[in-house]
Amino acid sequence: EEKRMLDMAQTEIYRELRQAAECHRQTRKWVMSWVEPGMKMIDICERLENMNRLLIKEKGLEAGLAFPTGCSLNSCAAHYTPNNGDNTILQRDDVCKIDFGTHINGRIIDCAWTVAFNPKYDELLKAVRDATNTGIQTAGIDVRLCDVGEAIQEVMESHELELDGKLYPSMLCFLARALYIIQ
């Protein structure tokens, strides 16, 4: 009986994670279809969050946004959120990191991606895609998180990005630690 109850609880956890992930995927795809230079950063965040709330069927602490949307530009690596009155405009030469999360009952789905419109950043975007795909391919049953991180780091360090005569390294890592908590 206890095993059956545990299995039912696990099934519900997986269902909630899958539902949150699907809402996240749809929101991300939708944002990528319209974000462009000339838009206010606050407007990008508000539109993204409104769609996320709609798809997740926001319900207090049971379902909704996991944290404020990060919309970090250029040398700001992560966790910048524009406040009301912030009139910062996304420019063609900006590198924008968009990070948002959604949750159901504290089971957080979090993802960030980089937006750049100037082709000079194509190699950066390629390096990030390669590293992400390597992490996905490396992950699996009985694979230690540190091994996934090591594989990603190796790919990122194998890429060199030169902009205007200067070499730029790029590495950033986040860890989901517990329900309702992101580090």
N, C-alpha and C. Protein backbone atom coordinates (compact mmCIF):
# COMPACT_ATOMS: atom_id res chain seq x y z
N GLU A 1 0.83 -1.20 0.00
CA GLU A 1 0.00 0.00 0.00
C GLU A 1 0.88 1.27 0.00
N GLU A 2 1.92 1.25 0.83
CA GLU A 2 2.81 2.41 0.91
C GLU A 2 3.51 2.64 -0.43
N LYS A 3 3.96 1.57 -1.06
CA LYS A 3 4.62 1.67 -2.37
C LYS A 3 3.65 2.25 -3.41
N ARG A 4 2.41 1.81 -3.38
CA ARG A 4 1.42 2.30 -4.34
C ARG A 4 1.19 3.80 -4.14
N MET A 5 1.11 4.24 -2.89
CA MET A 5 0.91 5.66 -2.60
C MET A 5 2.13 6.48 -3.04
N LEU A 6 3.31 5.94 -2.82
CA LEU A 6 4.54 6.62 -3.25
C LEU A 6 4.57 6.74 -4.77
N ASP A 7 4.21 5.68 -5.46
CA ASP A 7 4.16 5.71 -6.93
C ASP A 7 3.16 6.74 -7.43
N MET A 8 2.02 6.84 -6.78
CA MET A 8 1.01 7.83 -7.18
C MET A 8 1.53 9.25 -6.96
N ALA A 9 2.24 9.47 -5.85
CA ALA A 9 2.81 10.78 -5.57
C ALA A 9 3.86 11.14 -6.61
N GLN A 10 4.70 10.18 -6.97
CA GLN A 10 5.73 10.42 -7.99
C GLN A 10 5.08 10.75 -9.33
N THR A 11 4.02 10.04 -9.67
CA THR A 11 3.31 10.29 -10.93
C THR A 11 2.79 11.72 -10.96
N GLU A 12 2.26 12.19 -9.84
CA GLU A 12 1.73 13.56 -9.76
C GLU A 12 2.87 14.58 -9.89
N ILE A 13 4.00 14.31 -9.27
CA ILE A 13 5.15 15.20 -9.38
C ILE A 13 5.59 15.31 -10.84
N TYR A 14 5.70 14.19 -11.52
CA TYR A 14 6.10 14.20 -12.93
C TYR A 14 5.08 14.94 -13.79
N ARG A 15 3.80 14.76 -13.50
CA ARG A 15 2.76 15.44 -14.26
C ARG A 15 2.90 16.96 -14.09
N GLU A 16 3.12 17.40 -12.85
CA GLU A 16 3.28 18.83 -12.59
C GLU A 16 4.51 19.40 -13.28
N LEU A 17 5.61 18.67 -13.22
CA LEU A 17 6.83 19.12 -13.90
C LEU A 17 6.62 19.21 -15.41
N ARG A 18 5.98 18.21 -15.97
CA ARG A 18 5.74 18.22 -17.42
C ARG A 18 4.82 19.37 -17.82
N GLN A 19 3.80 19.62 -17.03
CA GLN A 19 2.88 20.71 -17.33
C GLN A 19 3.60 22.06 -17.25
N ALA A 20 4.40 22.27 -16.21
CA ALA A 20 5.16 23.51 -16.08
C ALA A 20 6.16 23.65 -17.22
N ALA A 21 6.80 22.56 -17.59
CA ALA A 21 7.78 22.59 -18.69
C ALA A 21 7.11 22.94 -20.01
N GLU A 22 5.94 22.40 -20.26
CA GLU A 22 5.24 22.70 -21.51
C GLU A 22 4.81 24.17 -21.56
N CYS A 23 4.32 24.71 -20.46
CA CYS A 23 3.98 26.13 -20.41
C CYS A 23 5.22 26.99 -20.66
N HIS A 24 6.33 26.58 -20.06
CA HIS A 24 7.58 27.30 -20.23
C HIS A 24 8.02 27.26 -21.69
N ARG A 25 7.96 26.08 -22.30
CA ARG A 25 8.37 25.92 -23.70
C ARG A 25 7.53 26.79 -24.62
N GLN A 26 6.23 26.80 -24.42
CA GLN A 26 5.34 27.59 -25.26
C GLN A 26 5.60 29.09 -25.09
N THR A 27 5.81 29.52 -23.86
CA THR A 27 6.10 30.93 -23.60
C THR A 27 7.41 31.33 -24.27
N ARG A 28 8.44 30.52 -24.10
CA ARG A 28 9.75 30.82 -24.70
C ARG A 28 9.65 30.92 -26.22
N LYS A 29 8.98 29.96 -26.84
CA LYS A 29 8.82 29.97 -28.29
C LYS A 29 8.07 31.22 -28.74
N TRP A 30 7.04 31.59 -28.01
CA TRP A 30 6.25 32.77 -28.35
C TRP A 30 7.10 34.04 -28.25
N VAL A 31 7.87 34.18 -27.17
CA VAL A 31 8.72 35.37 -27.00
C VAL A 31 9.75 35.46 -28.12
N MET A 32 10.35 34.33 -28.47
CA MET A 32 11.37 34.34 -29.52
C MET A 32 10.80 34.76 -30.87
N SER A 33 9.49 34.66 -31.05
CA SER A 33 8.87 35.01 -32.33
C SER A 33 8.69 36.51 -32.51
N TRP A 34 8.73 37.29 -31.44
CA TRP A 34 8.47 38.72 -31.58
C TRP A 34 9.50 39.66 -30.98
N VAL A 35 10.38 39.18 -30.13
CA VAL A 35 11.35 40.10 -29.51
C VAL A 35 12.28 40.65 -30.59
N GLU A 36 12.53 41.98 -30.54
CA GLU A 36 13.36 42.63 -31.56
C GLU A 36 13.93 43.93 -31.02
N PRO A 37 14.97 44.43 -31.67
CA PRO A 37 15.54 45.71 -31.24
C PRO A 37 14.48 46.81 -31.30
N GLY A 38 14.64 47.78 -30.40
CA GLY A 38 13.71 48.90 -30.35
C GLY A 38 12.63 48.73 -29.29
N MET A 39 12.55 47.56 -28.69
CA MET A 39 11.54 47.32 -27.66
C MET A 39 12.09 47.71 -26.29
N LYS A 40 11.20 48.19 -25.42
CA LYS A 40 11.59 48.46 -24.03
C LYS A 40 11.75 47.13 -23.32
N MET A 41 12.79 47.04 -22.50
CA MET A 41 13.04 45.81 -21.75
C MET A 41 11.88 45.49 -20.81
N ILE A 42 11.31 46.51 -20.19
CA ILE A 42 10.19 46.29 -19.28
C ILE A 42 8.99 45.70 -20.03
N ASP A 43 8.79 46.14 -21.28
CA ASP A 43 7.67 45.61 -22.08
C ASP A 43 7.90 44.14 -22.44
N ILE A 44 9.14 43.80 -22.75
CA ILE A 44 9.47 42.40 -23.06
C ILE A 44 9.14 41.53 -21.84
N CYS A 45 9.60 41.96 -20.67
CA CYS A 45 9.36 41.18 -19.45
C CYS A 45 7.88 41.08 -19.13
N GLU A 46 7.15 42.18 -19.26
CA GLU A 46 5.72 42.16 -18.93
C GLU A 46 4.94 41.26 -19.88
N ARG A 47 5.24 41.33 -21.16
CA ARG A 47 4.54 40.46 -22.12
C ARG A 47 4.85 38.99 -21.85
N LEU A 48 6.13 38.69 -21.60
CA LEU A 48 6.52 37.32 -21.30
C LEU A 48 5.79 36.82 -20.05
N GLU A 49 5.82 37.61 -18.98
CA GLU A 49 5.20 37.18 -17.73
C GLU A 49 3.69 37.03 -17.86
N ASN A 50 3.04 37.91 -18.62
CA ASN A 50 1.60 37.79 -18.82
C ASN A 50 1.24 36.51 -19.56
N MET A 51 2.01 36.16 -20.58
CA MET A 51 1.76 34.91 -21.31
C MET A 51 2.02 33.70 -20.41
N ASN A 52 3.10 33.77 -19.65
CA ASN A 52 3.42 32.67 -18.74
C ASN A 52 2.29 32.47 -17.72
N ARG A 53 1.79 33.57 -17.17
CA ARG A 53 0.69 33.48 -16.20
C ARG A 53 -0.55 32.84 -16.84
N LEU A 54 -0.83 33.24 -18.06
CA LEU A 54 -2.00 32.71 -18.77
C LEU A 54 -1.86 31.21 -19.01
N LEU A 55 -0.71 30.79 -19.52
CA LEU A 55 -0.51 29.38 -19.85
C LEU A 55 -0.44 28.48 -18.62
N ILE A 56 0.15 28.97 -17.54
CA ILE A 56 0.30 28.16 -16.33
C ILE A 56 -0.98 28.20 -15.49
N LYS A 57 -1.90 29.09 -15.87
CA LYS A 57 -3.15 29.27 -15.11
C LYS A 57 -2.81 29.64 -13.67
N GLU A 58 -2.13 30.79 -13.56
CA GLU A 58 -1.61 31.26 -12.27
C GLU A 58 -2.66 31.15 -11.16
N LYS A 59 -2.22 30.61 -10.03
CA LYS A 59 -3.11 30.39 -8.89
C LYS A 59 -2.32 30.54 -7.60
N GLY A 60 -2.12 31.78 -7.18
CA GLY A 60 -1.42 32.04 -5.92
C GLY A 60 -0.08 31.33 -5.86
N LEU A 61 0.17 30.65 -4.74
CA LEU A 61 1.43 29.94 -4.57
C LEU A 61 1.42 28.56 -5.21
N GLU A 62 0.28 28.14 -5.73
CA GLU A 62 0.19 26.80 -6.32
C GLU A 62 0.74 26.73 -7.74
N ALA A 63 0.63 27.81 -8.48
CA ALA A 63 1.12 27.81 -9.86
C ALA A 63 1.35 29.25 -10.30
N GLY A 64 2.45 29.47 -11.01
CA GLY A 64 2.71 30.82 -11.49
C GLY A 64 4.17 31.02 -11.86
N LEU A 65 4.58 32.28 -11.75
CA LEU A 65 5.96 32.65 -12.03
C LEU A 65 6.84 32.15 -10.89
N ALA A 66 7.98 31.60 -11.23
CA ALA A 66 8.90 31.11 -10.20
C ALA A 66 9.72 32.24 -9.60
N PHE A 67 9.96 33.28 -10.39
CA PHE A 67 10.76 34.43 -9.96
C PHE A 67 10.59 35.52 -11.01
N PRO A 68 10.97 36.76 -10.69
CA PRO A 68 10.86 37.83 -11.70
C PRO A 68 11.73 37.51 -12.91
N THR A 69 11.24 37.86 -14.07
CA THR A 69 11.98 37.60 -15.31
C THR A 69 13.27 38.40 -15.33
N GLY A 70 14.36 37.72 -15.64
CA GLY A 70 15.64 38.37 -15.83
C GLY A 70 15.79 38.76 -17.28
N CYS A 71 16.24 39.97 -17.49
CA CYS A 71 16.40 40.50 -18.85
C CYS A 71 17.71 41.29 -18.84
N SER A 72 18.82 40.59 -18.79
CA SER A 72 20.12 41.20 -18.55
C SER A 72 20.81 41.55 -19.86
N LEU A 73 21.37 42.74 -19.92
CA LEU A 73 22.02 43.21 -21.14
C LEU A 73 23.54 43.23 -21.01
N ASN A 74 24.17 42.79 -22.08
CA ASN A 74 25.61 42.95 -22.29
C ASN A 74 26.44 42.41 -21.14
N SER A 75 27.20 43.24 -20.44
CA SER A 75 28.12 42.75 -19.42
C SER A 75 27.42 42.33 -18.13
N CYS A 76 26.15 42.61 -17.99
CA CYS A 76 25.37 42.11 -16.85
C CYS A 76 25.01 40.67 -17.18
N ALA A 77 25.64 39.72 -16.49
CA ALA A 77 25.50 38.30 -16.85
C ALA A 77 24.10 37.76 -16.58
N ALA A 78 23.49 38.14 -15.47
CA ALA A 78 22.20 37.55 -15.13
C ALA A 78 21.54 38.32 -13.99
N HIS A 79 20.26 38.02 -13.81
CA HIS A 79 19.45 38.45 -12.67
C HIS A 79 19.10 39.93 -12.65
N TYR A 80 19.20 40.63 -13.77
CA TYR A 80 18.70 42.01 -13.82
C TYR A 80 17.24 41.98 -14.24
N THR A 81 16.41 42.66 -13.50
CA THR A 81 14.99 42.77 -13.82
C THR A 81 14.63 44.25 -13.88
N PRO A 82 14.14 44.72 -15.02
CA PRO A 82 13.76 46.13 -15.10
C PRO A 82 12.56 46.43 -14.19
N ASN A 83 12.59 47.59 -13.56
CA ASN A 83 11.48 48.05 -12.71
C ASN A 83 10.63 49.04 -13.48
N ASN A 84 9.44 49.32 -12.97
CA ASN A 84 8.58 50.33 -13.59
C ASN A 84 9.37 51.63 -13.73
N GLY A 85 9.21 52.27 -14.87
CA GLY A 85 9.93 53.51 -15.13
C GLY A 85 11.27 53.31 -15.81
N ASP A 86 11.74 52.08 -15.91
CA ASP A 86 13.00 51.78 -16.61
C ASP A 86 12.71 51.83 -18.11
N ASN A 87 13.30 52.78 -18.78
CA ASN A 87 13.04 52.97 -20.22
C ASN A 87 14.14 52.41 -21.10
N THR A 88 14.92 51.46 -20.58
CA THR A 88 16.00 50.86 -21.37
C THR A 88 15.41 50.17 -22.60
N ILE A 89 16.03 50.44 -23.74
CA ILE A 89 15.58 49.90 -25.03
C ILE A 89 16.58 48.85 -25.50
N LEU A 90 16.07 47.73 -25.97
CA LEU A 90 16.92 46.68 -26.56
C LEU A 90 17.46 47.20 -27.89
N GLN A 91 18.79 47.20 -28.03
CA GLN A 91 19.45 47.71 -29.23
C GLN A 91 19.96 46.56 -30.11
N ARG A 92 20.22 46.85 -31.37
CA ARG A 92 20.72 45.84 -32.31
C ARG A 92 22.04 45.24 -31.85
N ASP A 93 22.90 46.02 -31.22
CA ASP A 93 24.21 45.55 -30.80
C ASP A 93 24.22 44.96 -29.39
N ASP A 94 23.07 44.87 -28.75
CA ASP A 94 23.00 44.29 -27.40
C ASP A 94 23.04 42.77 -27.44
N VAL A 95 23.54 42.20 -26.35
CA VAL A 95 23.41 40.78 -26.07
C VAL A 95 22.49 40.70 -24.86
N CYS A 96 21.34 40.09 -25.04
CA CYS A 96 20.32 40.05 -23.99
C CYS A 96 20.13 38.61 -23.52
N LYS A 97 20.22 38.42 -22.21
CA LYS A 97 19.99 37.11 -21.61
C LYS A 97 18.62 37.14 -20.94
N ILE A 98 17.70 36.33 -21.44
CA ILE A 98 16.35 36.27 -20.90
C ILE A 98 16.24 35.01 -20.06
N ASP A 99 15.80 35.17 -18.82
CA ASP A 99 15.73 34.06 -17.87
C ASP A 99 14.39 34.14 -17.15
N PHE A 100 13.59 33.10 -17.28
CA PHE A 100 12.34 33.08 -16.54
C PHE A 100 12.03 31.67 -16.08
N GLY A 101 11.20 31.60 -15.08
CA GLY A 101 10.82 30.31 -14.54
C GLY A 101 9.34 30.25 -14.28
N THR A 102 8.83 29.05 -14.33
CA THR A 102 7.43 28.81 -14.01
C THR A 102 7.39 27.64 -13.03
N HIS A 103 6.31 27.54 -12.28
CA HIS A 103 6.25 26.44 -11.31
C HIS A 103 4.81 25.99 -11.09
N ILE A 104 4.71 24.76 -10.66
CA ILE A 104 3.47 24.21 -10.13
C ILE A 104 3.83 23.54 -8.81
N ASN A 105 3.20 24.03 -7.75
CA ASN A 105 3.46 23.51 -6.40
C ASN A 105 4.95 23.48 -6.05
N GLY A 106 5.66 24.52 -6.48
CA GLY A 106 7.07 24.65 -6.13
C GLY A 106 8.02 23.86 -6.98
N ARG A 107 7.51 23.12 -7.94
CA ARG A 107 8.37 22.37 -8.86
C ARG A 107 8.72 23.30 -10.01
N ILE A 108 9.93 23.84 -9.94
CA ILE A 108 10.35 24.94 -10.82
C ILE A 108 10.95 24.43 -12.12
N ILE A 109 10.51 25.03 -13.20
CA ILE A 109 11.14 24.86 -14.51
C ILE A 109 11.77 26.20 -14.84
N ASP A 110 13.05 26.20 -15.07
CA ASP A 110 13.82 27.43 -15.27
C ASP A 110 14.66 27.28 -16.52
N CYS A 111 14.71 28.32 -17.30
CA CYS A 111 15.51 28.29 -18.52
C CYS A 111 15.92 29.71 -18.88
N ALA A 112 17.10 29.83 -19.42
CA ALA A 112 17.56 31.12 -19.92
C ALA A 112 18.08 30.93 -21.33
N TRP A 113 17.99 31.97 -22.12
CA TRP A 113 18.56 31.91 -23.46
C TRP A 113 19.08 33.29 -23.82
N THR A 114 19.92 33.33 -24.82
CA THR A 114 20.57 34.56 -25.23
C THR A 114 20.00 35.03 -26.56
N VAL A 115 19.74 36.32 -26.63
CA VAL A 115 19.22 36.95 -27.84
C VAL A 115 20.26 37.96 -28.31
N ALA A 116 20.66 37.86 -29.56
CA ALA A 116 21.58 38.83 -30.16
C ALA A 116 21.19 38.99 -31.62
N PHE A 117 21.19 40.21 -32.10
CA PHE A 117 20.75 40.49 -33.46
C PHE A 117 21.91 40.80 -34.40
N ASN A 118 23.05 41.20 -33.86
CA ASN A 118 24.22 41.52 -34.67
C ASN A 118 24.97 40.21 -34.98
N PRO A 119 25.24 39.94 -36.27
CA PRO A 119 25.93 38.70 -36.64
C PRO A 119 27.30 38.52 -35.98
N LYS A 120 27.90 39.59 -35.46
CA LYS A 120 29.21 39.44 -34.82
C LYS A 120 29.12 38.55 -33.58
N TYR A 121 27.90 38.32 -33.07
CA TYR A 121 27.71 37.46 -31.90
C TYR A 121 27.33 36.02 -32.27
N ASP A 122 27.32 35.71 -33.54
CA ASP A 122 26.92 34.37 -33.97
C ASP A 122 27.79 33.28 -33.35
N GLU A 123 29.10 33.51 -33.25
CA GLU A 123 29.99 32.51 -32.65
C GLU A 123 29.68 32.30 -31.17
N LEU A 124 29.33 33.37 -30.47
CA LEU A 124 28.94 33.25 -29.07
C LEU A 124 27.69 32.39 -28.95
N LEU A 125 26.70 32.66 -29.78
CA LEU A 125 25.46 31.88 -29.74
C LEU A 125 25.72 30.42 -30.09
N LYS A 126 26.63 30.19 -31.03
CA LYS A 126 26.97 28.81 -31.41
C LYS A 126 27.64 28.09 -30.23
N ALA A 127 28.55 28.76 -29.55
CA ALA A 127 29.23 28.15 -28.40
C ALA A 127 28.23 27.77 -27.31
N VAL A 128 27.30 28.66 -27.05
CA VAL A 128 26.30 28.39 -26.02
C VAL A 128 25.40 27.23 -26.43
N ARG A 129 24.98 27.19 -27.69
CA ARG A 129 24.16 26.06 -28.18
C ARG A 129 24.92 24.75 -28.07
N ASP A 130 26.20 24.76 -28.49
CA ASP A 130 27.02 23.55 -28.41
C ASP A 130 27.16 23.07 -26.96
N ALA A 131 27.40 24.00 -26.06
CA ALA A 131 27.56 23.64 -24.65
C ALA A 131 26.25 23.10 -24.08
N THR A 132 25.15 23.74 -24.42
CA THR A 132 23.84 23.27 -23.94
C THR A 132 23.55 21.87 -24.45
N ASN A 133 23.76 21.65 -25.74
CA ASN A 133 23.50 20.33 -26.32
C ASN A 133 24.41 19.26 -25.71
N THR A 134 25.65 19.63 -25.42
CA THR A 134 26.57 18.70 -24.77
C THR A 134 26.06 18.33 -23.38
N GLY A 135 25.58 19.32 -22.65
CA GLY A 135 25.02 19.05 -21.33
C GLY A 135 23.84 18.11 -21.39
N ILE A 136 22.97 18.32 -22.35
CA ILE A 136 21.79 17.46 -22.52
C ILE A 136 22.22 16.04 -22.88
N GLN A 137 23.19 15.92 -23.79
CA GLN A 137 23.66 14.60 -24.20
C GLN A 137 24.39 13.86 -23.07
N THR A 138 25.07 14.61 -22.22
CA THR A 138 25.84 14.01 -21.13
C THR A 138 24.93 13.56 -19.98
N ALA A 139 23.86 14.29 -19.74
CA ALA A 139 22.97 13.98 -18.63
C ALA A 139 22.31 12.62 -18.82
N GLY A 140 22.05 11.96 -17.71
CA GLY A 140 21.37 10.67 -17.77
C GLY A 140 21.38 10.00 -16.41
N ILE A 141 20.84 8.81 -16.38
CA ILE A 141 20.78 8.04 -15.14
C ILE A 141 22.19 7.78 -14.64
N ASP A 142 22.41 7.99 -13.36
CA ASP A 142 23.68 7.74 -12.67
C ASP A 142 24.82 8.66 -13.12
N VAL A 143 24.54 9.70 -13.88
CA VAL A 143 25.57 10.66 -14.26
C VAL A 143 25.60 11.75 -13.19
N ARG A 144 26.77 12.02 -12.66
CA ARG A 144 26.90 13.03 -11.62
C ARG A 144 26.78 14.42 -12.24
N LEU A 145 26.15 15.33 -11.50
CA LEU A 145 25.97 16.70 -11.96
C LEU A 145 27.31 17.35 -12.29
N CYS A 146 28.33 17.06 -11.49
CA CYS A 146 29.64 17.65 -11.74
C CYS A 146 30.21 17.19 -13.09
N ASP A 147 29.86 15.97 -13.52
CA ASP A 147 30.33 15.48 -14.82
C ASP A 147 29.63 16.21 -15.97
N VAL A 148 28.36 16.52 -15.78
CA VAL A 148 27.64 17.31 -16.79
C VAL A 148 28.26 18.70 -16.87
N GLY A 149 28.50 19.31 -15.72
CA GLY A 149 29.12 20.63 -15.68
C GLY A 149 30.50 20.65 -16.31
N GLU A 150 31.26 19.61 -16.06
CA GLU A 150 32.61 19.51 -16.64
C GLU A 150 32.54 19.43 -18.16
N ALA A 151 31.59 18.65 -18.69
CA ALA A 151 31.45 18.53 -20.14
C ALA A 151 31.06 19.87 -20.76
N ILE A 152 30.15 20.58 -20.10
CA ILE A 152 29.73 21.90 -20.59
C ILE A 152 30.91 22.87 -20.56
N GLN A 153 31.65 22.86 -19.46
CA GLN A 153 32.79 23.76 -19.32
C GLN A 153 33.82 23.50 -20.41
N GLU A 154 34.07 22.24 -20.69
CA GLU A 154 35.05 21.88 -21.72
C GLU A 154 34.65 22.46 -23.08
N VAL A 155 33.38 22.36 -23.41
CA VAL A 155 32.90 22.90 -24.69
C VAL A 155 33.04 24.42 -24.71
N MET A 156 32.61 25.08 -23.63
CA MET A 156 32.70 26.54 -23.59
C MET A 156 34.15 27.02 -23.69
N GLU A 157 35.05 26.31 -23.03
CA GLU A 157 36.46 26.72 -23.07
C GLU A 157 37.10 26.42 -24.41
N SER A 158 36.49 25.54 -25.20
CA SER A 158 37.05 25.22 -26.52
C SER A 158 36.69 26.28 -27.55
N HIS A 159 35.73 27.12 -27.24
CA HIS A 159 35.33 28.20 -28.15
C HIS A 159 36.02 29.49 -27.75
N GLU A 160 36.46 30.22 -28.74
CA GLU A 160 37.01 31.55 -28.49
C GLU A 160 36.16 32.56 -29.23
N LEU A 161 35.84 33.63 -28.54
CA LEU A 161 35.06 34.70 -29.15
C LEU A 161 35.88 35.96 -29.14
N GLU A 162 36.15 36.47 -30.32
CA GLU A 162 36.89 37.72 -30.42
C GLU A 162 35.97 38.80 -30.97
N LEU A 163 35.84 39.87 -30.20
CA LEU A 163 35.03 41.02 -30.60
C LEU A 163 35.89 42.27 -30.53
N ASP A 164 35.97 42.96 -31.63
CA ASP A 164 36.72 44.21 -31.68
C ASP A 164 38.13 44.05 -31.13
N GLY A 165 38.78 42.92 -31.44
CA GLY A 165 40.15 42.69 -31.04
C GLY A 165 40.35 42.20 -29.62
N LYS A 166 39.28 41.92 -28.90
CA LYS A 166 39.39 41.47 -27.51
C LYS A 166 38.77 40.08 -27.38
N LEU A 167 39.44 39.20 -26.60
CA LEU A 167 38.98 37.83 -26.39
C LEU A 167 38.06 37.79 -25.16
N TYR A 168 36.89 37.15 -25.32
CA TYR A 168 35.91 37.07 -24.23
C TYR A 168 35.62 35.62 -23.85
N PRO A 169 35.87 35.23 -22.60
CA PRO A 169 35.43 33.91 -22.11
C PRO A 169 33.98 34.02 -21.64
N SER A 170 33.28 32.89 -21.60
CA SER A 170 31.87 32.92 -21.17
C SER A 170 31.51 31.64 -20.44
N MET A 171 31.20 31.74 -19.14
CA MET A 171 30.70 30.59 -18.38
C MET A 171 29.78 31.09 -17.28
N LEU A 172 28.68 30.39 -17.09
CA LEU A 172 27.73 30.73 -16.05
C LEU A 172 26.97 29.48 -15.67
N CYS A 173 26.76 29.25 -14.39
CA CYS A 173 26.10 28.02 -13.95
C CYS A 173 25.08 28.32 -12.86
N PHE A 174 23.91 27.68 -12.96
CA PHE A 174 22.87 27.81 -11.95
C PHE A 174 22.53 26.43 -11.43
N LEU A 175 22.03 26.37 -10.21
CA LEU A 175 21.68 25.10 -9.61
C LEU A 175 20.34 25.24 -8.90
N ALA A 176 19.38 24.41 -9.27
CA ALA A 176 18.11 24.36 -8.55
C ALA A 176 18.33 23.47 -7.33
N ARG A 177 18.09 24.00 -6.13
CA ARG A 177 18.43 23.28 -4.91
C ARG A 177 17.25 22.63 -4.21
N ALA A 178 16.08 23.25 -4.24
CA ALA A 178 14.94 22.69 -3.51
C ALA A 178 13.66 23.35 -4.03
N LEU A 179 12.53 22.91 -3.52
CA LEU A 179 11.26 23.50 -3.94
C LEU A 179 11.27 25.00 -3.67
N TYR A 180 10.84 25.78 -4.63
CA TYR A 180 10.73 27.23 -4.57
C TYR A 180 12.09 27.93 -4.47
N ILE A 181 13.20 27.23 -4.62
CA ILE A 181 14.52 27.85 -4.45
C ILE A 181 15.36 27.65 -5.70
N ILE A 182 15.95 28.74 -6.18
CA ILE A 182 16.91 28.71 -7.29
C ILE A 182 18.16 29.39 -6.79
N GLN A 183 19.30 28.84 -7.11
CA GLN A 183 20.56 29.50 -6.74
C GLN A 183 21.24 29.95 -8.00
